[in-house]
């Protein structure tokens, strides 16, 4: 992409995502992703209903009556975007490509984080770690992230979500909130990696998919190509049995994915490329409040 065209696209996404994050998500983001660190604030006398695990035994012994420690939540978060940049994202049939929607969602989350005074970083992954942008604050940093989201060219076209999650677990030493943005087209098993990542961090999954992956149109013989392997084949979409088999495959795949999210205890949302990702994110935020 030429520099002038890239800057124009960055500006368009900045205007849209900044507007969304300030006007719509300001309060919801703040409450949905609270700081998980707790800092000691003061002691006060024990009151009925207080957790006895918070009793400060030294102060209690000094004054001969129970005192408890009071903690304040540390508001500042570190937010990581774990972004799938594999070949299958370069697909879209109706409104936009999966990659374009994923970029807008990532940019909106990034601006929400910055407005909340949080640090934001990115891990780009395919079946390898393509790029790591360490978390920082500031508009300049955000614009650099958006530029990379728009114009990043991955070395590999394949997907390995397990690898991306393991890298997140290893590279981020302190607890963070991490958004895994992907179409989740991956033949590998990433459940254990997801469980471990979510134990250490606060992991949220955002799936982007296209209507034509969910349901084939009845338009006769078409050639389909796997964007990650390059494999091509002809299929007859006028066949009801073919369309039915494809629909069944999709439902099975989604059921398996949802089971992974449930067993990993990971909050998640799915957005179709012709759908409203604002509504989807609002639903996700509300689920966490």
C-alpha atoms as a PDB file:
ATOM      1  CA  UNK A   1       0.000   0.000   0.000  1.00  0.00           C
ATOM      2  CA  UNK A   2       1.353   3.453  -0.940  1.00  0.00           C
ATOM      3  CA  UNK A   3       2.240   5.789   1.927  1.00  0.00           C
ATOM      4  CA  UNK A   4      -0.460   8.400   1.103  1.00  0.00           C
ATOM      5  CA  UNK A   5      -3.134   5.709   0.767  1.00  0.00           C
ATOM      6  CA  UNK A   6      -1.988   4.076   4.000  1.00  0.00           C
ATOM      7  CA  UNK A   7      -2.074   7.357   5.945  1.00  0.00           C
ATOM      8  CA  UNK A   8      -5.571   8.065   4.609  1.00  0.00           C
ATOM      9  CA  UNK A   9      -6.745   4.621   5.743  1.00  0.00           C
ATOM     10  CA  UNK A  10      -5.093   5.078   9.167  1.00  0.00           C
ATOM     11  CA  UNK A  11      -6.875   8.419   9.556  1.00  0.00           C
ATOM     12  CA  UNK A  12     -10.254   6.922   8.577  1.00  0.00           C
ATOM     13  CA  UNK A  13      -9.902   4.108  11.085  1.00  0.00           C
ATOM     14  CA  UNK A  14      -8.634   6.519  13.761  1.00  0.00           C
ATOM     15  CA  UNK A  15     -11.676   8.783  13.370  1.00  0.00           C
ATOM     16  CA  UNK A  16     -14.138   5.880  13.409  1.00  0.00           C
ATOM     17  CA  UNK A  17     -12.588   3.872  16.234  1.00  0.00           C
ATOM     18  CA  UNK A  18     -11.832   6.892  18.429  1.00  0.00           C
ATOM     19  CA  UNK A  19     -15.434   8.002  18.095  1.00  0.00           C
ATOM     20  CA  UNK A  20     -16.733   4.569  19.002  1.00  0.00           C
ATOM     21  CA  UNK A  21     -14.408   4.113  21.958  1.00  0.00           C
ATOM     22  CA  UNK A  22     -15.169   7.541  23.454  1.00  0.00           C
ATOM     23  CA  UNK A  23     -18.899   7.776  22.738  1.00  0.00           C
ATOM     24  CA  UNK A  24     -20.050   4.196  23.127  1.00  0.00           C
ATOM     25  CA  UNK A  25     -17.497   2.137  25.004  1.00  0.00           C
ATOM     26  CA  UNK A  26     -16.122   4.603  27.551  1.00  0.00           C
ATOM     27  CA  UNK A  27     -18.077   3.387  30.577  1.00  0.00           C
ATOM     28  CA  UNK A  28     -18.604  -0.196  29.457  1.00  0.00           C
ATOM     29  CA  UNK A  29     -14.925  -0.869  28.782  1.00  0.00           C
ATOM     30  CA  UNK A  30     -13.959   0.665  32.131  1.00  0.00           C
ATOM     31  CA  UNK A  31     -16.276  -1.607  34.123  1.00  0.00           C
ATOM     32  CA  UNK A  32     -15.852  -4.724  31.962  1.00  0.00           C
ATOM     33  CA  UNK A  33     -12.050  -4.766  32.232  1.00  0.00           C
ATOM     34  CA  UNK A  34     -11.201  -3.717  35.755  1.00  0.00           C
ATOM     35  CA  UNK A  35      -7.644  -3.624  36.979  1.00  0.00           C
ATOM     36  CA  UNK A  36      -6.900  -6.998  38.536  1.00  0.00           C
ATOM     37  CA  UNK A  37      -4.067  -5.860  40.804  1.00  0.00           C
ATOM     38  CA  UNK A  38      -4.916  -4.931  44.416  1.00  0.00           C
ATOM     39  CA  UNK A  39      -2.906  -2.335  46.315  1.00  0.00           C
ATOM     40  CA  UNK A  40      -2.961  -1.968  50.127  1.00  0.00           C
ATOM     41  CA  UNK A  41      -4.688   1.278  51.146  1.00  0.00           C
ATOM     42  CA  UNK A  42      -5.376   1.413  54.906  1.00  0.00           C
ATOM     43  CA  UNK A  43      -6.709  -0.489  57.932  1.00  0.00           C
ATOM     44  CA  UNK A  44     -10.082  -0.048  59.617  1.00  0.00           C
ATOM     45  CA  UNK A  45     -12.035  -1.769  62.378  1.00  0.00           C
ATOM     46  CA  UNK A  46     -13.591  -5.109  61.508  1.00  0.00           C
ATOM     47  CA  UNK A  47     -17.295  -4.936  60.634  1.00  0.00           C
ATOM     48  CA  UNK A  48     -19.817  -7.756  60.480  1.00  0.00           C
ATOM     49  CA  UNK A  49     -19.632  -9.419  57.068  1.00  0.00           C
ATOM     50  CA  UNK A  50     -15.975  -8.563  56.372  1.00  0.00           C
ATOM     51  CA  UNK A  51     -13.745 -11.357  55.091  1.00  0.00           C
ATOM     52  CA  UNK A  52     -11.722 -12.707  58.030  1.00  0.00           C
ATOM     53  CA  UNK A  53      -8.844 -13.411  55.602  1.00  0.00           C
ATOM     54  CA  UNK A  54      -8.301  -9.633  55.418  1.00  0.00           C
ATOM     55  CA  UNK A  55      -7.678  -9.270  59.181  1.00  0.00           C
ATOM     56  CA  UNK A  56      -4.385  -7.520  59.982  1.00  0.00           C
ATOM     57  CA  UNK A  57      -3.208  -9.551  62.973  1.00  0.00           C
ATOM     58  CA  UNK A  58      -0.400  -7.158  63.965  1.00  0.00           C
ATOM     59  CA  UNK A  59      -2.739  -4.149  64.265  1.00  0.00           C
ATOM     60  CA  UNK A  60      -5.415  -6.354  65.919  1.00  0.00           C
ATOM     61  CA  UNK A  61      -2.918  -7.462  68.602  1.00  0.00           C
ATOM     62  CA  UNK A  62      -1.817  -3.862  69.216  1.00  0.00           C
ATOM     63  CA  UNK A  63      -5.349  -2.522  69.793  1.00  0.00           C
ATOM     64  CA  UNK A  64      -6.959  -5.663  71.229  1.00  0.00           C
ATOM     65  CA  UNK A  65      -9.798  -5.566  68.725  1.00  0.00           C
ATOM     66  CA  UNK A  66      -9.981  -6.808  65.128  1.00  0.00           C
ATOM     67  CA  UNK A  67      -8.809  -4.585  62.248  1.00  0.00           C
ATOM     68  CA  UNK A  68      -8.850  -5.477  58.563  1.00  0.00           C
ATOM     69  CA  UNK A  69      -6.708  -4.426  55.638  1.00  0.00           C
ATOM     70  CA  UNK A  70      -8.480  -2.331  53.013  1.00  0.00           C
ATOM     71  CA  UNK A  71      -7.320  -2.720  49.413  1.00  0.00           C
ATOM     72  CA  UNK A  72      -7.846  -0.489  46.424  1.00  0.00           C
ATOM     73  CA  UNK A  73      -8.023  -1.814  42.901  1.00  0.00           C
ATOM     74  CA  UNK A  74      -5.128  -0.751  40.693  1.00  0.00           C
ATOM     75  CA  UNK A  75      -6.940   0.690  37.698  1.00  0.00           C
ATOM     76  CA  UNK A  76      -4.164   0.708  35.154  1.00  0.00           C
ATOM     77  CA  UNK A  77      -4.206  -2.291  32.868  1.00  0.00           C
ATOM     78  CA  UNK A  78      -1.910  -3.713  30.277  1.00  0.00           C
ATOM     79  CA  UNK A  79      -3.931  -4.764  27.225  1.00  0.00           C
ATOM     80  CA  UNK A  80      -2.549  -7.122  24.596  1.00  0.00           C
ATOM     81  CA  UNK A  81      -4.086  -7.703  21.175  1.00  0.00           C
ATOM     82  CA  UNK A  82      -3.290 -11.200  19.916  1.00  0.00           C
ATOM     83  CA  UNK A  83      -3.962 -10.796  16.181  1.00  0.00           C
ATOM     84  CA  UNK A  84      -4.279 -13.620  13.650  1.00  0.00           C
ATOM     85  CA  UNK A  85      -2.603 -12.558  10.361  1.00  0.00           C
ATOM     86  CA  UNK A  86      -2.948 -15.870   8.477  1.00  0.00           C
ATOM     87  CA  UNK A  87      -4.154 -16.175   4.888  1.00  0.00           C
ATOM     88  CA  UNK A  88      -7.745 -17.140   5.712  1.00  0.00           C
ATOM     89  CA  UNK A  89      -8.442 -13.596   6.991  1.00  0.00           C
ATOM     90  CA  UNK A  90      -8.151 -12.323   3.403  1.00  0.00           C
ATOM     91  CA  UNK A  91     -11.706 -13.353   2.601  1.00  0.00           C
ATOM     92  CA  UNK A  92     -15.025 -11.544   2.500  1.00  0.00           C
ATOM     93  CA  UNK A  93     -18.042 -11.742   0.206  1.00  0.00           C
ATOM     94  CA  UNK A  94     -20.539  -9.102   1.272  1.00  0.00           C
ATOM     95  CA  UNK A  95     -19.491  -5.998   3.182  1.00  0.00           C
ATOM     96  CA  UNK A  96     -15.783  -6.307   3.951  1.00  0.00           C
ATOM     97  CA  UNK A  97     -12.954  -8.778   4.350  1.00  0.00           C
ATOM     98  CA  UNK A  98     -12.456 -10.501   7.679  1.00  0.00           C
ATOM     99  CA  UNK A  99      -9.087  -8.757   7.988  1.00  0.00           C
ATOM    100  CA  UNK A 100     -10.697  -5.292   7.595  1.00  0.00           C
ATOM    101  CA  UNK A 101     -13.290  -5.940  10.284  1.00  0.00           C
ATOM    102  CA  UNK A 102     -10.675  -7.443  12.578  1.00  0.00           C
ATOM    103  CA  UNK A 103      -8.529  -4.305  12.081  1.00  0.00           C
ATOM    104  CA  UNK A 104     -11.428  -2.008  13.015  1.00  0.00           C
ATOM    105  CA  UNK A 105     -12.241  -4.058  16.130  1.00  0.00           C
ATOM    106  CA  UNK A 106      -8.570  -4.078  17.182  1.00  0.00           C
ATOM    107  CA  UNK A 107      -8.273  -0.299  16.646  1.00  0.00           C
ATOM    108  CA  UNK A 108     -11.452   0.357  18.649  1.00  0.00           C
ATOM    109  CA  UNK A 109     -10.183  -1.779  21.549  1.00  0.00           C
ATOM    110  CA  UNK A 110      -6.815  -0.012  21.357  1.00  0.00           C
ATOM    111  CA  UNK A 111      -8.404   3.458  21.615  1.00  0.00           C
ATOM    112  CA  UNK A 112     -10.655   2.251  24.462  1.00  0.00           C
ATOM    113  CA  UNK A 113      -7.537   1.105  26.312  1.00  0.00           C
ATOM    114  CA  UNK A 114      -5.662   4.365  25.763  1.00  0.00           C
ATOM    115  CA  UNK A 115      -8.652   6.476  26.864  1.00  0.00           C
ATOM    116  CA  UNK A 116      -8.688   4.403  30.030  1.00  0.00           C
ATOM    117  CA  UNK A 117      -4.979   5.184  30.543  1.00  0.00           C
ATOM    118  CA  UNK A 118      -3.989   1.569  29.879  1.00  0.00           C
ATOM    119  CA  UNK A 119      -0.936   0.339  28.011  1.00  0.00           C
ATOM    120  CA  UNK A 120      -1.553  -1.500  24.744  1.00  0.00           C
ATOM    121  CA  UNK A 121       0.606  -3.965  22.833  1.00  0.00           C
ATOM    122  CA  UNK A 122       0.190  -6.421  19.947  1.00  0.00           C
ATOM    123  CA  UNK A 123       1.283  -9.932  19.031  1.00  0.00           C
ATOM    124  CA  UNK A 124       0.848 -10.736  15.319  1.00  0.00           C
ATOM    125  CA  UNK A 125       0.806 -14.493  14.714  1.00  0.00           C
ATOM    126  CA  UNK A 126       0.277 -17.001  11.888  1.00  0.00           C
ATOM    127  CA  UNK A 127       1.869 -20.416  12.469  1.00  0.00           C
ATOM    128  CA  UNK A 128       4.803 -18.416  13.821  1.00  0.00           C
ATOM    129  CA  UNK A 129       5.177 -15.235  15.842  1.00  0.00           C
ATOM    130  CA  UNK A 130       5.292 -12.640  13.094  1.00  0.00           C
ATOM    131  CA  UNK A 131       5.788  -9.516  15.234  1.00  0.00           C
ATOM    132  CA  UNK A 132       5.647  -8.390  18.865  1.00  0.00           C
ATOM    133  CA  UNK A 133       4.893  -4.748  19.709  1.00  0.00           C
ATOM    134  CA  UNK A 134       5.559  -4.212  23.443  1.00  0.00           C
ATOM    135  CA  UNK A 135       2.798  -2.403  25.377  1.00  0.00           C
ATOM    136  CA  UNK A 136       3.037   1.382  25.659  1.00  0.00           C
ATOM    137  CA  UNK A 137       0.741   4.386  26.029  1.00  0.00           C
ATOM    138  CA  UNK A 138       0.049   7.350  23.778  1.00  0.00           C
ATOM    139  CA  UNK A 139      -1.524   8.364  20.479  1.00  0.00           C
ATOM    140  CA  UNK A 140       1.710   7.953  18.505  1.00  0.00           C
ATOM    141  CA  UNK A 141       1.960   4.342  19.679  1.00  0.00           C
ATOM    142  CA  UNK A 142      -1.700   3.694  18.770  1.00  0.00           C
ATOM    143  CA  UNK A 143      -1.245   5.089  15.246  1.00  0.00           C
ATOM    144  CA  UNK A 144       1.807   2.861  14.790  1.00  0.00           C
ATOM    145  CA  UNK A 145      -0.316  -0.145  15.829  1.00  0.00           C
ATOM    146  CA  UNK A 146      -3.131   0.800  13.409  1.00  0.00           C
ATOM    147  CA  UNK A 147      -0.619   1.265  10.575  1.00  0.00           C
ATOM    148  CA  UNK A 148       0.748  -2.225  11.258  1.00  0.00           C
ATOM    149  CA  UNK A 149      -2.758  -3.712  11.467  1.00  0.00           C
ATOM    150  CA  UNK A 150      -3.629  -2.299   8.028  1.00  0.00           C
ATOM    151  CA  UNK A 151      -0.412  -2.955   6.158  1.00  0.00           C
ATOM    152  CA  UNK A 152       1.230  -5.914   7.906  1.00  0.00           C
ATOM    153  CA  UNK A 153       2.453  -8.659   5.560  1.00  0.00           C
ATOM    154  CA  UNK A 154       2.863 -12.015   7.246  1.00  0.00           C
ATOM    155  CA  UNK A 155       5.670 -14.379   6.261  1.00  0.00           C
ATOM    156  CA  UNK A 156       3.389 -17.419   6.596  1.00  0.00           C
ATOM    157  CA  UNK A 157      -0.222 -17.956   5.527  1.00  0.00           C
ATOM    158  CA  UNK A 158      -0.999 -20.769   7.974  1.00  0.00           C
ATOM    159  CA  UNK A 159      -2.478 -20.619  11.496  1.00  0.00           C
ATOM    160  CA  UNK A 160      -1.310 -21.902  14.881  1.00  0.00           C
ATOM    161  CA  UNK A 161      -3.389 -20.385  17.691  1.00  0.00           C
ATOM    162  CA  UNK A 162      -1.668 -22.603  20.270  1.00  0.00           C
ATOM    163  CA  UNK A 163       1.684 -21.010  19.420  1.00  0.00           C
ATOM    164  CA  UNK A 164       0.248 -17.475  19.757  1.00  0.00           C
ATOM    165  CA  UNK A 165      -1.260 -18.266  23.162  1.00  0.00           C
ATOM    166  CA  UNK A 166       1.943 -19.902  24.430  1.00  0.00           C
ATOM    167  CA  UNK A 167       3.946 -16.847  23.354  1.00  0.00           C
ATOM    168  CA  UNK A 168       1.511 -14.563  25.224  1.00  0.00           C
ATOM    169  CA  UNK A 169       1.861 -16.703  28.373  1.00  0.00           C
ATOM    170  CA  UNK A 170       5.657 -16.631  28.191  1.00  0.00           C
ATOM    171  CA  UNK A 171       6.373 -13.058  27.049  1.00  0.00           C
ATOM    172  CA  UNK A 172       3.932 -11.226  29.364  1.00  0.00           C
ATOM    173  CA  UNK A 173       5.317 -11.650  32.861  1.00  0.00           C
ATOM    174  CA  UNK A 174       2.599  -9.651  34.642  1.00  0.00           C
ATOM    175  CA  UNK A 175      -1.130 -10.280  34.349  1.00  0.00           C
ATOM    176  CA  UNK A 176      -2.805  -8.491  31.453  1.00  0.00           C
ATOM    177  CA  UNK A 177      -6.104  -8.390  29.588  1.00  0.00           C
ATOM    178  CA  UNK A 178      -5.634 -10.082  26.213  1.00  0.00           C
ATOM    179  CA  UNK A 179      -7.960 -10.073  23.214  1.00  0.00           C
ATOM    180  CA  UNK A 180      -7.501 -13.009  20.833  1.00  0.00           C
ATOM    181  CA  UNK A 181      -8.760 -11.818  17.423  1.00  0.00           C
ATOM    182  CA  UNK A 182      -9.101 -14.574  14.812  1.00  0.00           C
ATOM    183  CA  UNK A 183     -11.447 -16.466  12.500  1.00  0.00           C
ATOM    184  CA  UNK A 184     -10.374 -19.587  14.462  1.00  0.00           C
ATOM    185  CA  UNK A 185      -9.799 -21.614  11.298  1.00  0.00           C
ATOM    186  CA  UNK A 186      -7.128 -23.841  12.788  1.00  0.00           C
ATOM    187  CA  UNK A 187      -6.815 -27.624  12.494  1.00  0.00           C
ATOM    188  CA  UNK A 188      -4.672 -27.828  15.624  1.00  0.00           C
ATOM    189  CA  UNK A 189      -5.658 -28.257  19.271  1.00  0.00           C
ATOM    190  CA  UNK A 190      -5.227 -25.052  21.288  1.00  0.00           C
ATOM    191  CA  UNK A 191      -7.488 -25.805  24.286  1.00  0.00           C
ATOM    192  CA  UNK A 192      -4.698 -26.494  26.830  1.00  0.00           C
ATOM    193  CA  UNK A 193      -2.781 -23.396  25.720  1.00  0.00           C
ATOM    194  CA  UNK A 194      -5.980 -21.358  26.118  1.00  0.00           C
ATOM    195  CA  UNK A 195      -6.640 -22.717  29.612  1.00  0.00           C
ATOM    196  CA  UNK A 196      -3.073 -21.889  30.729  1.00  0.00           C
ATOM    197  CA  UNK A 197      -3.142 -18.406  29.117  1.00  0.00           C
ATOM    198  CA  UNK A 198      -6.454 -17.593  30.796  1.00  0.00           C
ATOM    199  CA  UNK A 199      -5.173 -18.712  34.198  1.00  0.00           C
ATOM    200  CA  UNK A 200      -2.276 -16.290  33.978  1.00  0.00           C
ATOM    201  CA  UNK A 201      -4.097 -13.490  32.118  1.00  0.00           C
ATOM    202  CA  UNK A 202      -7.651 -12.305  31.489  1.00  0.00           C
ATOM    203  CA  UNK A 203      -8.271 -13.716  28.007  1.00  0.00           C
ATOM    204  CA  UNK A 204     -11.161 -12.695  25.734  1.00  0.00           C
ATOM    205  CA  UNK A 205     -11.820 -14.274  22.306  1.00  0.00           C
ATOM    206  CA  UNK A 206     -13.279 -12.372  19.338  1.00  0.00           C
ATOM    207  CA  UNK A 207     -14.171 -14.475  16.283  1.00  0.00           C
ATOM    208  CA  UNK A 208     -14.696 -12.854  12.871  1.00  0.00           C
ATOM    209  CA  UNK A 209     -16.325 -14.959  10.157  1.00  0.00           C
ATOM    210  CA  UNK A 210     -18.020 -14.585   6.770  1.00  0.00           C
ATOM    211  CA  UNK A 211     -21.565 -15.510   5.805  1.00  0.00           C
ATOM    212  CA  UNK A 212     -20.369 -17.685   2.922  1.00  0.00           C
ATOM    213  CA  UNK A 213     -18.357 -19.865   5.291  1.00  0.00           C
ATOM    214  CA  UNK A 214     -21.527 -20.380   7.306  1.00  0.00           C
ATOM    215  CA  UNK A 215     -23.743 -21.141   4.294  1.00  0.00           C
ATOM    216  CA  UNK A 216     -22.968 -21.787   0.610  1.00  0.00           C
ATOM    217  CA  UNK A 217     -25.027 -19.995  -2.054  1.00  0.00           C
ATOM    218  CA  UNK A 218     -26.768 -22.117  -4.705  1.00  0.00           C
ATOM    219  CA  UNK A 219     -24.861 -20.816  -7.753  1.00  0.00           C
ATOM    220  CA  UNK A 220     -23.710 -24.010  -9.457  1.00  0.00           C
ATOM    221  CA  UNK A 221     -20.116 -25.187  -9.905  1.00  0.00           C
ATOM    222  CA  UNK A 222     -17.522 -23.033  -8.163  1.00  0.00           C
ATOM    223  CA  UNK A 223     -13.800 -23.387  -7.597  1.00  0.00           C
ATOM    224  CA  UNK A 224     -12.768 -22.899  -3.968  1.00  0.00           C
ATOM    225  CA  UNK A 225      -9.244 -22.319  -2.763  1.00  0.00           C
ATOM    226  CA  UNK A 226      -7.812 -22.799   0.707  1.00  0.00           C
ATOM    227  CA  UNK A 227      -6.129 -19.442   1.395  1.00  0.00           C
ATOM    228  CA  UNK A 228      -3.619 -21.068   3.756  1.00  0.00           C
ATOM    229  CA  UNK A 229      -2.581 -24.204   1.850  1.00  0.00           C
ATOM    230  CA  UNK A 230      -3.348 -23.120  -1.722  1.00  0.00           C
ATOM    231  CA  UNK A 231      -5.367 -26.314  -2.325  1.00  0.00           C
ATOM    232  CA  UNK A 232      -8.110 -25.862  -4.952  1.00  0.00           C
ATOM    233  CA  UNK A 233     -11.191 -27.924  -5.748  1.00  0.00           C
ATOM    234  CA  UNK A 234     -14.502 -27.660  -7.615  1.00  0.00           C
ATOM    235  CA  UNK A 235     -17.777 -28.082  -5.754  1.00  0.00           C
ATOM    236  CA  UNK A 236     -21.368 -28.131  -6.988  1.00  0.00           C
ATOM    237  CA  UNK A 237     -23.260 -25.621  -4.868  1.00  0.00           C
ATOM    238  CA  UNK A 238     -26.512 -26.351  -6.721  1.00  0.00           C
ATOM    239  CA  UNK A 239     -26.539 -29.700  -4.882  1.00  0.00           C
ATOM    240  CA  UNK A 240     -28.698 -29.544  -1.783  1.00  0.00           C
ATOM    241  CA  UNK A 241     -26.665 -32.370  -0.241  1.00  0.00           C
ATOM    242  CA  UNK A 242     -23.404 -30.417  -0.708  1.00  0.00           C
ATOM    243  CA  UNK A 243     -24.894 -27.277   0.868  1.00  0.00           C
ATOM    244  CA  UNK A 244     -26.389 -29.301   3.708  1.00  0.00           C
ATOM    245  CA  UNK A 245     -23.064 -31.072   4.386  1.00  0.00           C
ATOM    246  CA  UNK A 246     -21.261 -27.731   4.435  1.00  0.00           C
ATOM    247  CA  UNK A 247     -23.808 -26.220   6.832  1.00  0.00           C
ATOM    248  CA  UNK A 248     -23.471 -29.282   9.092  1.00  0.00           C
ATOM    249  CA  UNK A 249     -19.644 -28.940   9.029  1.00  0.00           C
ATOM    250  CA  UNK A 250     -19.913 -25.295  10.084  1.00  0.00           C
ATOM    251  CA  UNK A 251     -22.322 -26.032  12.953  1.00  0.00           C
ATOM    252  CA  UNK A 252     -20.086 -28.833  14.217  1.00  0.00           C
ATOM    253  CA  UNK A 253     -17.025 -26.616  14.003  1.00  0.00           C
ATOM    254  CA  UNK A 254     -18.734 -23.796  15.941  1.00  0.00           C
ATOM    255  CA  UNK A 255     -20.035 -26.209  18.578  1.00  0.00           C
ATOM    256  CA  UNK A 256     -16.499 -27.563  19.108  1.00  0.00           C
ATOM    257  CA  UNK A 257     -15.073 -24.028  19.320  1.00  0.00           C
ATOM    258  CA  UNK A 258     -17.726 -22.919  21.822  1.00  0.00           C
ATOM    259  CA  UNK A 259     -16.959 -25.995  23.918  1.00  0.00           C
ATOM    260  CA  UNK A 260     -13.275 -24.984  23.989  1.00  0.00           C
ATOM    261  CA  UNK A 261     -14.239 -21.456  25.140  1.00  0.00           C
ATOM    262  CA  UNK A 262     -16.561 -22.831  27.837  1.00  0.00           C
ATOM    263  CA  UNK A 263     -14.032 -25.346  29.191  1.00  0.00           C
ATOM    264  CA  UNK A 264     -11.300 -22.687  29.136  1.00  0.00           C
ATOM    265  CA  UNK A 265     -13.633 -20.231  30.907  1.00  0.00           C
ATOM    266  CA  UNK A 266     -12.911 -17.622  28.210  1.00  0.00           C
ATOM    267  CA  UNK A 267     -15.449 -14.877  27.441  1.00  0.00           C
ATOM    268  CA  UNK A 268     -16.070 -14.733  23.708  1.00  0.00           C
ATOM    269  CA  UNK A 269     -18.088 -13.159  20.921  1.00  0.00           C
ATOM    270  CA  UNK A 270     -18.566 -13.967  17.214  1.00  0.00           C
ATOM    271  CA  UNK A 271     -19.043 -11.262  14.580  1.00  0.00           C
ATOM    272  CA  UNK A 272     -20.047 -11.775  10.928  1.00  0.00           C
ATOM    273  CA  UNK A 273     -18.400  -9.516   8.341  1.00  0.00           C
ATOM    274  CA  UNK A 274     -21.795  -8.099   7.362  1.00  0.00           C
ATOM    275  CA  UNK A 275     -22.824  -7.757  11.020  1.00  0.00           C
ATOM    276  CA  UNK A 276     -22.532  -5.016  13.635  1.00  0.00           C
ATOM    277  CA  UNK A 277     -19.332  -5.438  15.629  1.00  0.00           C
ATOM    278  CA  UNK A 278     -20.269  -2.481  17.859  1.00  0.00           C
ATOM    279  CA  UNK A 279     -23.353  -4.360  19.065  1.00  0.00           C
ATOM    280  CA  UNK A 280     -21.292  -7.543  19.494  1.00  0.00           C
ATOM    281  CA  UNK A 281     -18.655  -5.788  21.630  1.00  0.00           C
ATOM    282  CA  UNK A 282     -21.351  -4.071  23.729  1.00  0.00           C
ATOM    283  CA  UNK A 283     -22.888  -7.501  24.386  1.00  0.00           C
ATOM    284  CA  UNK A 284     -19.473  -8.847  25.360  1.00  0.00           C
ATOM    285  CA  UNK A 285     -18.813  -5.944  27.737  1.00  0.00           C
ATOM    286  CA  UNK A 286     -22.265  -6.287  29.328  1.00  0.00           C
ATOM    287  CA  UNK A 287     -21.635 -10.016  29.893  1.00  0.00           C
ATOM    288  CA  UNK A 288     -18.570  -9.155  31.976  1.00  0.00           C
ATOM    289  CA  UNK A 289     -20.212  -6.517  34.211  1.00  0.00           C
END
